[in-house]
């Protein structure tokens, strides 16, 4: 039985172990070893019980999506200066001004008005730092396939942050996209799972992504496709880890990072036909 799914198909075959097709295998041991091989596991205590390496990697990359520059706190110098000016105005400044005008009775009105003014100013500063922008953060993990240098497993994680509650549509090249959960308060309570499979005339589309106010929704795509042209070599010496990454494709690659165990080296952007160490 064959079922078509996205740009590919899934085949299913069931037969007893004594079926002539199985008994006629040239190398039954190799066949069953490839079919029933044991997947990679994580060390004991390294992750919650029952979590496989793919799930552990996904949870960490999903958490990294929340590292948005727009959500960083304003400069402490700016906040401190704003607070000092506010204290000077509502304290001695307001007192001296009302005393000079001989209108001390209006202090109970002037102080709340100044407080509201500074609150609006602080909100304006925060909004000016991209507080009203819709942001899309994306991380793509490219893993070459052993025995197929021209093919790679490409996993893309995308997080969509919105300052208001709205629905969005994403377009991409992957036919299968699924929602993923983010750690912490980023995923609103009650957000369901499921699988988005939406073909469109101009490529796959992920529709009706609901993002709550000041929240983020994330999706992941996992495909096997053409290697985009990245080649990497890692050499482990006695006291150092050396890596070289080359962009052999015809498109620039942004924010390249090399990960080896717990070591992460950020190489920046790679133009086509550029190698960086």
C-alpha atoms as a PDB file:
ATOM      1  CA  UNK A   1       0.000   0.000   0.000  1.00  0.00           C
ATOM      2  CA  UNK A   2       1.378   3.405  -1.006  1.00  0.00           C
ATOM      3  CA  UNK A   3       0.107   6.756   0.254  1.00  0.00           C
ATOM      4  CA  UNK A   4       1.213  10.077  -1.193  1.00  0.00           C
ATOM      5  CA  UNK A   5       2.227  12.709   1.341  1.00  0.00           C
ATOM      6  CA  UNK A   6       3.484  16.125   0.300  1.00  0.00           C
ATOM      7  CA  UNK A   7       6.135  15.734  -2.399  1.00  0.00           C
ATOM      8  CA  UNK A   8       6.810  12.082  -1.538  1.00  0.00           C
ATOM      9  CA  UNK A   9       5.076   8.838  -0.690  1.00  0.00           C
ATOM     10  CA  UNK A  10       4.964   6.268   2.091  1.00  0.00           C
ATOM     11  CA  UNK A  11       4.886   2.560   1.289  1.00  0.00           C
ATOM     12  CA  UNK A  12       3.681  -0.202   3.591  1.00  0.00           C
ATOM     13  CA  UNK A  13       4.196  -3.935   3.167  1.00  0.00           C
ATOM     14  CA  UNK A  14       3.139  -6.652   5.576  1.00  0.00           C
ATOM     15  CA  UNK A  15       3.936 -10.360   5.269  1.00  0.00           C
ATOM     16  CA  UNK A  16       4.668 -13.346   7.533  1.00  0.00           C
ATOM     17  CA  UNK A  17       8.285 -14.207   8.199  1.00  0.00           C
ATOM     18  CA  UNK A  18       7.959 -17.236   5.935  1.00  0.00           C
ATOM     19  CA  UNK A  19       6.936 -15.171   2.916  1.00  0.00           C
ATOM     20  CA  UNK A  20       8.906 -16.165  -0.209  1.00  0.00           C
ATOM     21  CA  UNK A  21      10.137 -12.581  -0.674  1.00  0.00           C
ATOM     22  CA  UNK A  22      11.702 -12.614   2.810  1.00  0.00           C
ATOM     23  CA  UNK A  23      13.075 -16.104   2.503  1.00  0.00           C
ATOM     24  CA  UNK A  24      14.743 -15.165  -0.792  1.00  0.00           C
ATOM     25  CA  UNK A  25      16.827 -12.391   0.734  1.00  0.00           C
ATOM     26  CA  UNK A  26      20.478 -12.624  -0.234  1.00  0.00           C
ATOM     27  CA  UNK A  27      21.735 -11.319   3.125  1.00  0.00           C
ATOM     28  CA  UNK A  28      18.938 -11.608   5.730  1.00  0.00           C
ATOM     29  CA  UNK A  29      21.222 -10.546   8.620  1.00  0.00           C
ATOM     30  CA  UNK A  30      22.133  -7.247   6.939  1.00  0.00           C
ATOM     31  CA  UNK A  31      18.495  -6.625   5.966  1.00  0.00           C
ATOM     32  CA  UNK A  32      17.181  -7.005   9.521  1.00  0.00           C
ATOM     33  CA  UNK A  33      20.127  -5.074  10.967  1.00  0.00           C
ATOM     34  CA  UNK A  34      19.332  -2.098   8.730  1.00  0.00           C
ATOM     35  CA  UNK A  35      15.601  -2.353   9.404  1.00  0.00           C
ATOM     36  CA  UNK A  36      15.726  -2.833  13.175  1.00  0.00           C
ATOM     37  CA  UNK A  37      18.906  -1.005  14.114  1.00  0.00           C
ATOM     38  CA  UNK A  38      19.049   0.629  17.541  1.00  0.00           C
ATOM     39  CA  UNK A  39      18.831   4.397  17.461  1.00  0.00           C
ATOM     40  CA  UNK A  40      21.189   6.721  19.328  1.00  0.00           C
ATOM     41  CA  UNK A  41      20.553   7.230  23.025  1.00  0.00           C
ATOM     42  CA  UNK A  42      21.426   9.879  25.595  1.00  0.00           C
ATOM     43  CA  UNK A  43      23.550   9.230  28.710  1.00  0.00           C
ATOM     44  CA  UNK A  44      21.665   8.509  31.928  1.00  0.00           C
ATOM     45  CA  UNK A  45      20.709  11.675  33.760  1.00  0.00           C
ATOM     46  CA  UNK A  46      21.517  13.884  30.762  1.00  0.00           C
ATOM     47  CA  UNK A  47      17.874  14.380  29.792  1.00  0.00           C
ATOM     48  CA  UNK A  48      14.406  13.319  31.024  1.00  0.00           C
ATOM     49  CA  UNK A  49      13.650   9.613  30.766  1.00  0.00           C
ATOM     50  CA  UNK A  50      12.250   8.571  27.417  1.00  0.00           C
ATOM     51  CA  UNK A  51      13.671  11.540  25.481  1.00  0.00           C
ATOM     52  CA  UNK A  52      15.645  10.660  22.372  1.00  0.00           C
ATOM     53  CA  UNK A  53      18.497  12.770  20.907  1.00  0.00           C
ATOM     54  CA  UNK A  54      16.198  14.373  18.323  1.00  0.00           C
ATOM     55  CA  UNK A  55      13.761  15.482  21.007  1.00  0.00           C
ATOM     56  CA  UNK A  56      16.559  16.804  23.196  1.00  0.00           C
ATOM     57  CA  UNK A  57      18.052  18.752  20.289  1.00  0.00           C
ATOM     58  CA  UNK A  58      14.660  20.115  19.300  1.00  0.00           C
ATOM     59  CA  UNK A  59      13.887  21.374  22.807  1.00  0.00           C
ATOM     60  CA  UNK A  60      17.199  23.226  22.999  1.00  0.00           C
ATOM     61  CA  UNK A  61      16.892  24.831  19.573  1.00  0.00           C
ATOM     62  CA  UNK A  62      13.288  25.782  20.293  1.00  0.00           C
ATOM     63  CA  UNK A  63      14.428  27.487  23.475  1.00  0.00           C
ATOM     64  CA  UNK A  64      17.116  29.355  21.518  1.00  0.00           C
ATOM     65  CA  UNK A  65      14.402  30.877  19.315  1.00  0.00           C
ATOM     66  CA  UNK A  66      13.350  33.094  22.218  1.00  0.00           C
ATOM     67  CA  UNK A  67      16.668  34.979  22.144  1.00  0.00           C
ATOM     68  CA  UNK A  68      15.264  38.044  20.389  1.00  0.00           C
ATOM     69  CA  UNK A  69      17.262  41.314  20.423  1.00  0.00           C
ATOM     70  CA  UNK A  70      14.022  43.272  20.578  1.00  0.00           C
ATOM     71  CA  UNK A  71      13.256  41.777  23.984  1.00  0.00           C
ATOM     72  CA  UNK A  72      16.450  42.928  25.631  1.00  0.00           C
ATOM     73  CA  UNK A  73      16.121  45.442  28.441  1.00  0.00           C
ATOM     74  CA  UNK A  74      16.920  49.082  27.655  1.00  0.00           C
ATOM     75  CA  UNK A  75      20.280  50.479  28.671  1.00  0.00           C
ATOM     76  CA  UNK A  76      20.716  50.694  32.442  1.00  0.00           C
ATOM     77  CA  UNK A  77      22.307  54.105  31.956  1.00  0.00           C
ATOM     78  CA  UNK A  78      19.202  55.351  30.155  1.00  0.00           C
ATOM     79  CA  UNK A  79      16.884  53.908  32.797  1.00  0.00           C
ATOM     80  CA  UNK A  80      18.990  55.352  35.619  1.00  0.00           C
ATOM     81  CA  UNK A  81      19.056  58.793  33.986  1.00  0.00           C
ATOM     82  CA  UNK A  82      15.289  58.734  33.472  1.00  0.00           C
ATOM     83  CA  UNK A  83      14.733  57.733  37.109  1.00  0.00           C
ATOM     84  CA  UNK A  84      17.064  60.460  38.423  1.00  0.00           C
ATOM     85  CA  UNK A  85      15.305  63.134  36.357  1.00  0.00           C
ATOM     86  CA  UNK A  86      11.932  61.916  37.612  1.00  0.00           C
ATOM     87  CA  UNK A  87      13.055  62.041  41.264  1.00  0.00           C
ATOM     88  CA  UNK A  88      14.470  65.561  40.826  1.00  0.00           C
ATOM     89  CA  UNK A  89      11.286  66.831  39.206  1.00  0.00           C
ATOM     90  CA  UNK A  90       8.708  65.311  41.571  1.00  0.00           C
ATOM     91  CA  UNK A  91      10.914  66.069  44.590  1.00  0.00           C
ATOM     92  CA  UNK A  92      12.763  69.361  44.966  1.00  0.00           C
ATOM     93  CA  UNK A  93      11.879  70.595  41.457  1.00  0.00           C
ATOM     94  CA  UNK A  94       8.112  70.415  41.983  1.00  0.00           C
ATOM     95  CA  UNK A  95       8.387  71.826  45.492  1.00  0.00           C
ATOM     96  CA  UNK A  96      10.481  74.837  44.462  1.00  0.00           C
ATOM     97  CA  UNK A  97       8.296  75.565  41.426  1.00  0.00           C
ATOM     98  CA  UNK A  98       5.022  75.492  43.373  1.00  0.00           C
ATOM     99  CA  UNK A  99       6.550  77.480  46.203  1.00  0.00           C
ATOM    100  CA  UNK A 100       7.749  80.144  43.770  1.00  0.00           C
ATOM    101  CA  UNK A 101       4.246  80.315  42.273  1.00  0.00           C
ATOM    102  CA  UNK A 102       2.699  80.143  45.747  1.00  0.00           C
ATOM    103  CA  UNK A 103       0.489  77.265  44.581  1.00  0.00           C
ATOM    104  CA  UNK A 104       1.522  74.445  46.932  1.00  0.00           C
ATOM    105  CA  UNK A 105      -2.084  73.278  47.066  1.00  0.00           C
ATOM    106  CA  UNK A 106      -1.816  71.968  43.505  1.00  0.00           C
ATOM    107  CA  UNK A 107       0.968  69.524  44.388  1.00  0.00           C
ATOM    108  CA  UNK A 108      -1.466  66.630  44.704  1.00  0.00           C
ATOM    109  CA  UNK A 109      -2.451  67.202  41.043  1.00  0.00           C
ATOM    110  CA  UNK A 110       0.966  68.037  39.600  1.00  0.00           C
ATOM    111  CA  UNK A 111       2.768  64.964  40.963  1.00  0.00           C
ATOM    112  CA  UNK A 112       0.368  62.392  39.396  1.00  0.00           C
ATOM    113  CA  UNK A 113       0.485  64.284  36.086  1.00  0.00           C
ATOM    114  CA  UNK A 114       4.284  64.223  36.048  1.00  0.00           C
ATOM    115  CA  UNK A 115       4.209  60.513  36.937  1.00  0.00           C
ATOM    116  CA  UNK A 116       1.887  59.790  34.015  1.00  0.00           C
ATOM    117  CA  UNK A 117       4.121  61.840  31.730  1.00  0.00           C
ATOM    118  CA  UNK A 118       7.219  59.849  32.670  1.00  0.00           C
ATOM    119  CA  UNK A 119       5.319  56.568  32.404  1.00  0.00           C
ATOM    120  CA  UNK A 120       4.318  57.482  28.857  1.00  0.00           C
ATOM    121  CA  UNK A 121       7.906  58.483  28.102  1.00  0.00           C
ATOM    122  CA  UNK A 122       9.212  55.152  29.388  1.00  0.00           C
ATOM    123  CA  UNK A 123       6.647  53.265  27.287  1.00  0.00           C
ATOM    124  CA  UNK A 124       7.626  55.301  24.240  1.00  0.00           C
ATOM    125  CA  UNK A 125      11.295  54.410  24.716  1.00  0.00           C
ATOM    126  CA  UNK A 126      10.425  50.725  25.009  1.00  0.00           C
ATOM    127  CA  UNK A 127       8.173  50.856  21.950  1.00  0.00           C
ATOM    128  CA  UNK A 128      10.859  52.640  19.952  1.00  0.00           C
ATOM    129  CA  UNK A 129      13.204  49.703  20.563  1.00  0.00           C
ATOM    130  CA  UNK A 130      11.207  47.556  18.117  1.00  0.00           C
ATOM    131  CA  UNK A 131       8.585  46.830  20.737  1.00  0.00           C
ATOM    132  CA  UNK A 132       5.822  47.022  18.125  1.00  0.00           C
ATOM    133  CA  UNK A 133       7.458  44.867  15.441  1.00  0.00           C
ATOM    134  CA  UNK A 134       6.522  41.360  14.371  1.00  0.00           C
ATOM    135  CA  UNK A 135       9.715  39.280  14.498  1.00  0.00           C
ATOM    136  CA  UNK A 136      10.623  35.980  12.863  1.00  0.00           C
ATOM    137  CA  UNK A 137      13.570  34.104  14.349  1.00  0.00           C
ATOM    138  CA  UNK A 138      14.883  31.104  12.416  1.00  0.00           C
ATOM    139  CA  UNK A 139      17.496  28.425  13.094  1.00  0.00           C
ATOM    140  CA  UNK A 140      18.452  25.867  10.444  1.00  0.00           C
ATOM    141  CA  UNK A 141      20.397  22.715  11.293  1.00  0.00           C
ATOM    142  CA  UNK A 142      22.130  21.009   8.349  1.00  0.00           C
ATOM    143  CA  UNK A 143      23.425  17.457   8.815  1.00  0.00           C
ATOM    144  CA  UNK A 144      25.134  15.619   5.994  1.00  0.00           C
ATOM    145  CA  UNK A 145      24.036  12.057   5.306  1.00  0.00           C
ATOM    146  CA  UNK A 146      26.678   9.361   5.473  1.00  0.00           C
ATOM    147  CA  UNK A 147      27.148   7.795   2.074  1.00  0.00           C
ATOM    148  CA  UNK A 148      25.242  10.605   0.300  1.00  0.00           C
ATOM    149  CA  UNK A 149      27.445  13.705   0.140  1.00  0.00           C
ATOM    150  CA  UNK A 150      24.952  15.543  -2.056  1.00  0.00           C
ATOM    151  CA  UNK A 151      22.057  14.960   0.362  1.00  0.00           C
ATOM    152  CA  UNK A 152      21.474  16.411   3.824  1.00  0.00           C
ATOM    153  CA  UNK A 153      18.922  16.356   6.580  1.00  0.00           C
ATOM    154  CA  UNK A 154      17.699  19.925   6.946  1.00  0.00           C
ATOM    155  CA  UNK A 155      15.768  20.865  10.069  1.00  0.00           C
ATOM    156  CA  UNK A 156      14.405  24.381  10.308  1.00  0.00           C
ATOM    157  CA  UNK A 157      12.972  25.898  13.492  1.00  0.00           C
ATOM    158  CA  UNK A 158      11.092  29.194  13.208  1.00  0.00           C
ATOM    159  CA  UNK A 159       9.616  31.299  15.999  1.00  0.00           C
ATOM    160  CA  UNK A 160       7.102  34.063  15.285  1.00  0.00           C
ATOM    161  CA  UNK A 161       6.809  36.814  17.911  1.00  0.00           C
ATOM    162  CA  UNK A 162       3.893  39.247  17.842  1.00  0.00           C
ATOM    163  CA  UNK A 163       3.107  42.269  20.052  1.00  0.00           C
ATOM    164  CA  UNK A 164      -0.624  41.749  19.402  1.00  0.00           C
ATOM    165  CA  UNK A 165      -2.889  38.712  19.114  1.00  0.00           C
ATOM    166  CA  UNK A 166      -3.134  37.823  15.433  1.00  0.00           C
ATOM    167  CA  UNK A 167      -3.097  34.997  12.896  1.00  0.00           C
ATOM    168  CA  UNK A 168      -0.225  34.630  10.435  1.00  0.00           C
ATOM    169  CA  UNK A 169       0.686  32.627   7.352  1.00  0.00           C
ATOM    170  CA  UNK A 170       4.205  31.408   6.584  1.00  0.00           C
ATOM    171  CA  UNK A 171       5.474  30.277   3.192  1.00  0.00           C
ATOM    172  CA  UNK A 172       8.427  27.958   2.765  1.00  0.00           C
ATOM    173  CA  UNK A 173       9.985  25.130   0.827  1.00  0.00           C
ATOM    174  CA  UNK A 174       9.189  22.268   3.214  1.00  0.00           C
ATOM    175  CA  UNK A 175       5.969  20.339   2.653  1.00  0.00           C
ATOM    176  CA  UNK A 176       5.580  19.147   6.259  1.00  0.00           C
ATOM    177  CA  UNK A 177       5.623  21.660   9.071  1.00  0.00           C
ATOM    178  CA  UNK A 178       4.531  21.004  12.639  1.00  0.00           C
ATOM    179  CA  UNK A 179       4.140  23.235  15.704  1.00  0.00           C
ATOM    180  CA  UNK A 180       6.592  22.834  18.585  1.00  0.00           C
ATOM    181  CA  UNK A 181       6.456  23.934  22.198  1.00  0.00           C
ATOM    182  CA  UNK A 182       8.731  26.580  23.634  1.00  0.00           C
ATOM    183  CA  UNK A 183      10.131  26.494  27.133  1.00  0.00           C
ATOM    184  CA  UNK A 184       8.894  28.970  29.721  1.00  0.00           C
ATOM    185  CA  UNK A 185       5.932  31.344  29.294  1.00  0.00           C
ATOM    186  CA  UNK A 186       6.327  31.620  25.515  1.00  0.00           C
ATOM    187  CA  UNK A 187       3.763  28.982  24.616  1.00  0.00           C
ATOM    188  CA  UNK A 188       0.305  30.094  25.841  1.00  0.00           C
ATOM    189  CA  UNK A 189      -1.635  27.584  27.902  1.00  0.00           C
ATOM    190  CA  UNK A 190      -3.976  25.414  25.893  1.00  0.00           C
ATOM    191  CA  UNK A 191      -2.125  25.704  22.585  1.00  0.00           C
ATOM    192  CA  UNK A 192      -2.707  22.468  20.740  1.00  0.00           C
ATOM    193  CA  UNK A 193      -0.377  20.397  18.595  1.00  0.00           C
ATOM    194  CA  UNK A 194      -1.021  18.846  15.238  1.00  0.00           C
ATOM    195  CA  UNK A 195       0.525  18.797  11.812  1.00  0.00           C
ATOM    196  CA  UNK A 196       0.304  21.516   9.189  1.00  0.00           C
ATOM    197  CA  UNK A 197       0.271  20.079   5.664  1.00  0.00           C
ATOM    198  CA  UNK A 198      -0.916  22.804   3.304  1.00  0.00           C
ATOM    199  CA  UNK A 199       0.054  22.751  -0.342  1.00  0.00           C
ATOM    200  CA  UNK A 200      -0.381  25.969  -2.303  1.00  0.00           C
ATOM    201  CA  UNK A 201       0.229  26.994  -5.934  1.00  0.00           C
ATOM    202  CA  UNK A 202       3.434  28.818  -4.971  1.00  0.00           C
ATOM    203  CA  UNK A 203       4.757  26.268  -2.504  1.00  0.00           C
ATOM    204  CA  UNK A 204       3.782  24.907   0.917  1.00  0.00           C
ATOM    205  CA  UNK A 205       2.107  27.332   3.306  1.00  0.00           C
ATOM    206  CA  UNK A 206       1.539  27.188   7.048  1.00  0.00           C
ATOM    207  CA  UNK A 207      -1.738  28.958   7.654  1.00  0.00           C
ATOM    208  CA  UNK A 208      -3.673  30.130  10.705  1.00  0.00           C
ATOM    209  CA  UNK A 209      -0.730  30.356  13.103  1.00  0.00           C
ATOM    210  CA  UNK A 210      -2.296  32.021  16.146  1.00  0.00           C
ATOM    211  CA  UNK A 211       0.097  34.110  18.232  1.00  0.00           C
ATOM    212  CA  UNK A 212      -1.122  35.589  21.482  1.00  0.00           C
ATOM    213  CA  UNK A 213      -0.172  39.118  22.532  1.00  0.00           C
ATOM    214  CA  UNK A 214       3.521  39.445  23.491  1.00  0.00           C
ATOM    215  CA  UNK A 215       3.991  35.734  22.834  1.00  0.00           C
ATOM    216  CA  UNK A 216       5.731  33.488  20.352  1.00  0.00           C
ATOM    217  CA  UNK A 217       4.557  30.478  18.368  1.00  0.00           C
ATOM    218  CA  UNK A 218       7.088  28.126  16.828  1.00  0.00           C
ATOM    219  CA  UNK A 219       7.051  25.568  14.028  1.00  0.00           C
ATOM    220  CA  UNK A 220       9.590  23.028  12.774  1.00  0.00           C
ATOM    221  CA  UNK A 221      10.245  21.481   9.360  1.00  0.00           C
ATOM    222  CA  UNK A 222      12.282  18.306   8.842  1.00  0.00           C
ATOM    223  CA  UNK A 223      13.227  17.358   5.290  1.00  0.00           C
ATOM    224  CA  UNK A 224      15.808  15.410   3.312  1.00  0.00           C
ATOM    225  CA  UNK A 225      17.031  17.506   0.425  1.00  0.00           C
ATOM    226  CA  UNK A 226      19.918  18.768  -1.611  1.00  0.00           C
ATOM    227  CA  UNK A 227      22.946  19.770   0.412  1.00  0.00           C
ATOM    228  CA  UNK A 228      23.054  23.587   0.239  1.00  0.00           C
ATOM    229  CA  UNK A 229      26.813  23.475  -0.267  1.00  0.00           C
ATOM    230  CA  UNK A 230      28.175  23.690   3.268  1.00  0.00           C
ATOM    231  CA  UNK A 231      31.221  21.570   4.027  1.00  0.00           C
ATOM    232  CA  UNK A 232      32.829  21.356   7.461  1.00  0.00           C
ATOM    233  CA  UNK A 233      35.934  19.714   8.869  1.00  0.00           C
ATOM    234  CA  UNK A 234      36.607  19.386  12.593  1.00  0.00           C
ATOM    235  CA  UNK A 235      39.991  18.337  14.013  1.00  0.00           C
ATOM    236  CA  UNK A 236      40.427  17.591  17.690  1.00  0.00           C
ATOM    237  CA  UNK A 237      43.977  18.161  18.899  1.00  0.00           C
ATOM    238  CA  UNK A 238      45.273  17.479  22.374  1.00  0.00           C
ATOM    239  CA  UNK A 239      44.386  20.941  23.664  1.00  0.00           C
ATOM    240  CA  UNK A 240      42.126  22.499  21.042  1.00  0.00           C
ATOM    241  CA  UNK A 241      39.264  21.890  18.633  1.00  0.00           C
ATOM    242  CA  UNK A 242      39.796  23.302  15.147  1.00  0.00           C
ATOM    243  CA  UNK A 243      36.993  23.643  12.613  1.00  0.00           C
ATOM    244  CA  UNK A 244      36.795  24.885   9.043  1.00  0.00           C
ATOM    245  CA  UNK A 245      33.528  25.616   7.245  1.00  0.00           C
ATOM    246  CA  UNK A 246      33.283  26.271   3.505  1.00  0.00           C
ATOM    247  CA  UNK A 247      30.303  27.607   1.603  1.00  0.00           C
ATOM    248  CA  UNK A 248      30.429  25.818  -1.747  1.00  0.00           C
ATOM    249  CA  UNK A 249      26.959  26.918  -2.779  1.00  0.00           C
ATOM    250  CA  UNK A 250      25.857  29.936  -4.786  1.00  0.00           C
ATOM    251  CA  UNK A 251      23.940  31.646  -1.965  1.00  0.00           C
ATOM    252  CA  UNK A 252      25.276  33.454   1.128  1.00  0.00           C
ATOM    253  CA  UNK A 253      24.681  31.807   4.504  1.00  0.00           C
ATOM    254  CA  UNK A 254      24.035  33.986   7.553  1.00  0.00           C
ATOM    255  CA  UNK A 255      25.088  33.509  11.173  1.00  0.00           C
ATOM    256  CA  UNK A 256      27.021  30.268  10.713  1.00  0.00           C
ATOM    257  CA  UNK A 257      27.952  28.415  13.905  1.00  0.00           C
ATOM    258  CA  UNK A 258      29.951  25.245  14.486  1.00  0.00           C
ATOM    259  CA  UNK A 259      28.860  23.002  17.362  1.00  0.00           C
ATOM    260  CA  UNK A 260      31.059  20.241  18.747  1.00  0.00           C
ATOM    261  CA  UNK A 261      29.744  18.778  21.979  1.00  0.00           C
ATOM    262  CA  UNK A 262      29.351  21.688  24.387  1.00  0.00           C
ATOM    263  CA  UNK A 263      31.619  23.979  22.332  1.00  0.00           C
ATOM    264  CA  UNK A 264      30.018  26.582  20.057  1.00  0.00           C
ATOM    265  CA  UNK A 265      31.956  28.848  17.676  1.00  0.00           C
ATOM    266  CA  UNK A 266      30.132  31.585  15.779  1.00  0.00           C
ATOM    267  CA  UNK A 267      31.681  32.304  12.377  1.00  0.00           C
ATOM    268  CA  UNK A 268      29.336  35.020  11.147  1.00  0.00           C
ATOM    269  CA  UNK A 269      28.169  35.208   7.522  1.00  0.00           C
ATOM    270  CA  UNK A 270      29.682  33.121   4.721  1.00  0.00           C
ATOM    271  CA  UNK A 271      29.618  34.347   1.147  1.00  0.00           C
ATOM    272  CA  UNK A 272      29.680  31.769  -1.681  1.00  0.00           C
ATOM    273  CA  UNK A 273      33.042  30.000  -2.141  1.00  0.00           C
ATOM    274  CA  UNK A 274      34.348  31.298   1.190  1.00  0.00           C
ATOM    275  CA  UNK A 275      36.032  29.162   3.853  1.00  0.00           C
ATOM    276  CA  UNK A 276      36.331  30.312   7.455  1.00  0.00           C
ATOM    277  CA  UNK A 277      38.075  28.834  10.457  1.00  0.00           C
END
